[in-house]
């Protein structure tokens, strides 16, 4: 369940309150992107949720951040492998 569903607001209303565009909210909901720390603080304040609860282990936000970190590490490894292959 997404934030907008839990708190019964539209993506446009939520975007306006968080000072972002509605596409940003959609990207957060689909896991394409994750909120930055400023937006996490705004969400926490807006919905009166502690950052601890918002970022609890296993939450969608935390899982998306972990996925992105893993993908970035894999990309770095891939680049190193390609460069090493080209050199040798």
C-alpha atoms as a PDB file:
ATOM      1  CA  UNK A   1       0.000   0.000   0.000  1.00  0.00           C
ATOM      2  CA  UNK A   2       1.352   3.429  -0.943  1.00  0.00           C
ATOM      3  CA  UNK A   3       1.470   6.596   1.149  1.00  0.00           C
ATOM      4  CA  UNK A   4      -1.220   8.227  -0.941  1.00  0.00           C
ATOM      5  CA  UNK A   5      -3.502   5.210  -0.435  1.00  0.00           C
ATOM      6  CA  UNK A   6      -2.860   5.003   3.303  1.00  0.00           C
ATOM      7  CA  UNK A   7      -3.535   8.683   3.870  1.00  0.00           C
ATOM      8  CA  UNK A   8      -6.226   9.000   1.186  1.00  0.00           C
ATOM      9  CA  UNK A   9      -4.694  11.799  -0.807  1.00  0.00           C
ATOM     10  CA  UNK A  10      -4.083  11.932  -4.531  1.00  0.00           C
ATOM     11  CA  UNK A  11      -0.584  11.887  -5.949  1.00  0.00           C
ATOM     12  CA  UNK A  12      -1.105  15.480  -7.067  1.00  0.00           C
ATOM     13  CA  UNK A  13      -2.157  16.591  -3.569  1.00  0.00           C
ATOM     14  CA  UNK A  14       0.767  14.758  -1.996  1.00  0.00           C
ATOM     15  CA  UNK A  15       3.175  16.168  -4.578  1.00  0.00           C
ATOM     16  CA  UNK A  16       1.955  19.692  -3.874  1.00  0.00           C
ATOM     17  CA  UNK A  17       2.442  19.216  -0.138  1.00  0.00           C
ATOM     18  CA  UNK A  18       5.948  17.803  -0.631  1.00  0.00           C
ATOM     19  CA  UNK A  19       6.920  20.396  -3.264  1.00  0.00           C
ATOM     20  CA  UNK A  20       7.584  17.805  -5.981  1.00  0.00           C
ATOM     21  CA  UNK A  21       5.764  16.832  -9.173  1.00  0.00           C
ATOM     22  CA  UNK A  22       3.216  14.008  -9.204  1.00  0.00           C
ATOM     23  CA  UNK A  23       5.496  11.900 -11.436  1.00  0.00           C
ATOM     24  CA  UNK A  24       8.008  11.897  -8.575  1.00  0.00           C
ATOM     25  CA  UNK A  25       5.393  10.394  -6.255  1.00  0.00           C
ATOM     26  CA  UNK A  26       4.554   7.798  -8.897  1.00  0.00           C
ATOM     27  CA  UNK A  27       8.249   6.916  -9.259  1.00  0.00           C
ATOM     28  CA  UNK A  28       8.546   6.459  -5.493  1.00  0.00           C
ATOM     29  CA  UNK A  29       5.493   4.213  -5.456  1.00  0.00           C
ATOM     30  CA  UNK A  30       6.777   2.019  -8.272  1.00  0.00           C
ATOM     31  CA  UNK A  31      10.294   1.832  -6.837  1.00  0.00           C
ATOM     32  CA  UNK A  32      11.917   3.585  -9.795  1.00  0.00           C
ATOM     33  CA  UNK A  33      13.324   6.193  -7.436  1.00  0.00           C
ATOM     34  CA  UNK A  34      13.364   6.811  -3.691  1.00  0.00           C
ATOM     35  CA  UNK A  35      12.804  10.009  -1.750  1.00  0.00           C
ATOM     36  CA  UNK A  36      15.902  11.952  -0.764  1.00  0.00           C
ATOM     37  CA  UNK A  37      16.496  12.822   2.884  1.00  0.00           C
ATOM     38  CA  UNK A  38      14.744  16.195   2.604  1.00  0.00           C
ATOM     39  CA  UNK A  39      11.605  14.551   1.260  1.00  0.00           C
ATOM     40  CA  UNK A  40      11.780  11.785   3.861  1.00  0.00           C
ATOM     41  CA  UNK A  41      11.793  14.483   6.536  1.00  0.00           C
ATOM     42  CA  UNK A  42       8.834  16.218   4.870  1.00  0.00           C
ATOM     43  CA  UNK A  43       6.910  12.927   4.667  1.00  0.00           C
ATOM     44  CA  UNK A  44       7.723  12.187   8.287  1.00  0.00           C
ATOM     45  CA  UNK A  45       6.479  15.593   9.360  1.00  0.00           C
ATOM     46  CA  UNK A  46       3.447  15.682   7.092  1.00  0.00           C
ATOM     47  CA  UNK A  47       2.122  12.298   8.184  1.00  0.00           C
ATOM     48  CA  UNK A  48       3.505  12.457  11.730  1.00  0.00           C
ATOM     49  CA  UNK A  49       5.535   9.279  11.248  1.00  0.00           C
ATOM     50  CA  UNK A  50       8.913   8.996  12.919  1.00  0.00           C
ATOM     51  CA  UNK A  51      11.869   8.602  10.590  1.00  0.00           C
ATOM     52  CA  UNK A  52      12.647   5.405  12.504  1.00  0.00           C
ATOM     53  CA  UNK A  53       9.313   3.910  11.458  1.00  0.00           C
ATOM     54  CA  UNK A  54       9.548   5.297   7.938  1.00  0.00           C
ATOM     55  CA  UNK A  55      13.004   3.789   7.480  1.00  0.00           C
ATOM     56  CA  UNK A  56      12.459   0.598   9.458  1.00  0.00           C
ATOM     57  CA  UNK A  57      14.286  -2.459   8.192  1.00  0.00           C
ATOM     58  CA  UNK A  58      12.186  -4.145   5.549  1.00  0.00           C
ATOM     59  CA  UNK A  59      10.277  -1.000   4.555  1.00  0.00           C
ATOM     60  CA  UNK A  60       9.877  -0.291   0.854  1.00  0.00           C
ATOM     61  CA  UNK A  61      12.075   2.784   1.114  1.00  0.00           C
ATOM     62  CA  UNK A  62      14.920   0.863   2.738  1.00  0.00           C
ATOM     63  CA  UNK A  63      14.587  -2.055   0.316  1.00  0.00           C
ATOM     64  CA  UNK A  64      14.692   0.312  -2.687  1.00  0.00           C
ATOM     65  CA  UNK A  65      17.777   2.058  -1.324  1.00  0.00           C
ATOM     66  CA  UNK A  66      19.480  -1.323  -0.853  1.00  0.00           C
ATOM     67  CA  UNK A  67      18.561  -2.390  -4.409  1.00  0.00           C
ATOM     68  CA  UNK A  68      20.009   0.797  -5.856  1.00  0.00           C
ATOM     69  CA  UNK A  69      23.225   0.394  -3.877  1.00  0.00           C
ATOM     70  CA  UNK A  70      23.542  -3.192  -5.083  1.00  0.00           C
ATOM     71  CA  UNK A  71      22.942  -2.172  -8.702  1.00  0.00           C
ATOM     72  CA  UNK A  72      25.552   0.586  -8.433  1.00  0.00           C
ATOM     73  CA  UNK A  73      28.076  -1.881  -7.037  1.00  0.00           C
ATOM     74  CA  UNK A  74      27.357  -4.308  -9.872  1.00  0.00           C
ATOM     75  CA  UNK A  75      27.798  -1.525 -12.425  1.00  0.00           C
ATOM     76  CA  UNK A  76      31.172  -0.596 -10.927  1.00  0.00           C
ATOM     77  CA  UNK A  77      32.258  -4.234 -11.033  1.00  0.00           C
ATOM     78  CA  UNK A  78      31.097  -4.536 -14.650  1.00  0.00           C
ATOM     79  CA  UNK A  79      33.030  -1.426 -15.662  1.00  0.00           C
ATOM     80  CA  UNK A  80      36.178  -2.750 -13.987  1.00  0.00           C
ATOM     81  CA  UNK A  81      35.786  -6.067 -15.777  1.00  0.00           C
ATOM     82  CA  UNK A  82      35.341  -4.399 -19.176  1.00  0.00           C
ATOM     83  CA  UNK A  83      38.348  -2.133 -18.639  1.00  0.00           C
ATOM     84  CA  UNK A  84      40.485  -5.059 -17.493  1.00  0.00           C
ATOM     85  CA  UNK A  85      39.436  -7.070 -20.558  1.00  0.00           C
ATOM     86  CA  UNK A  86      40.322  -4.171 -22.857  1.00  0.00           C
ATOM     87  CA  UNK A  87      43.734  -3.733 -21.257  1.00  0.00           C
ATOM     88  CA  UNK A  88      44.644  -7.400 -21.486  1.00  0.00           C
END
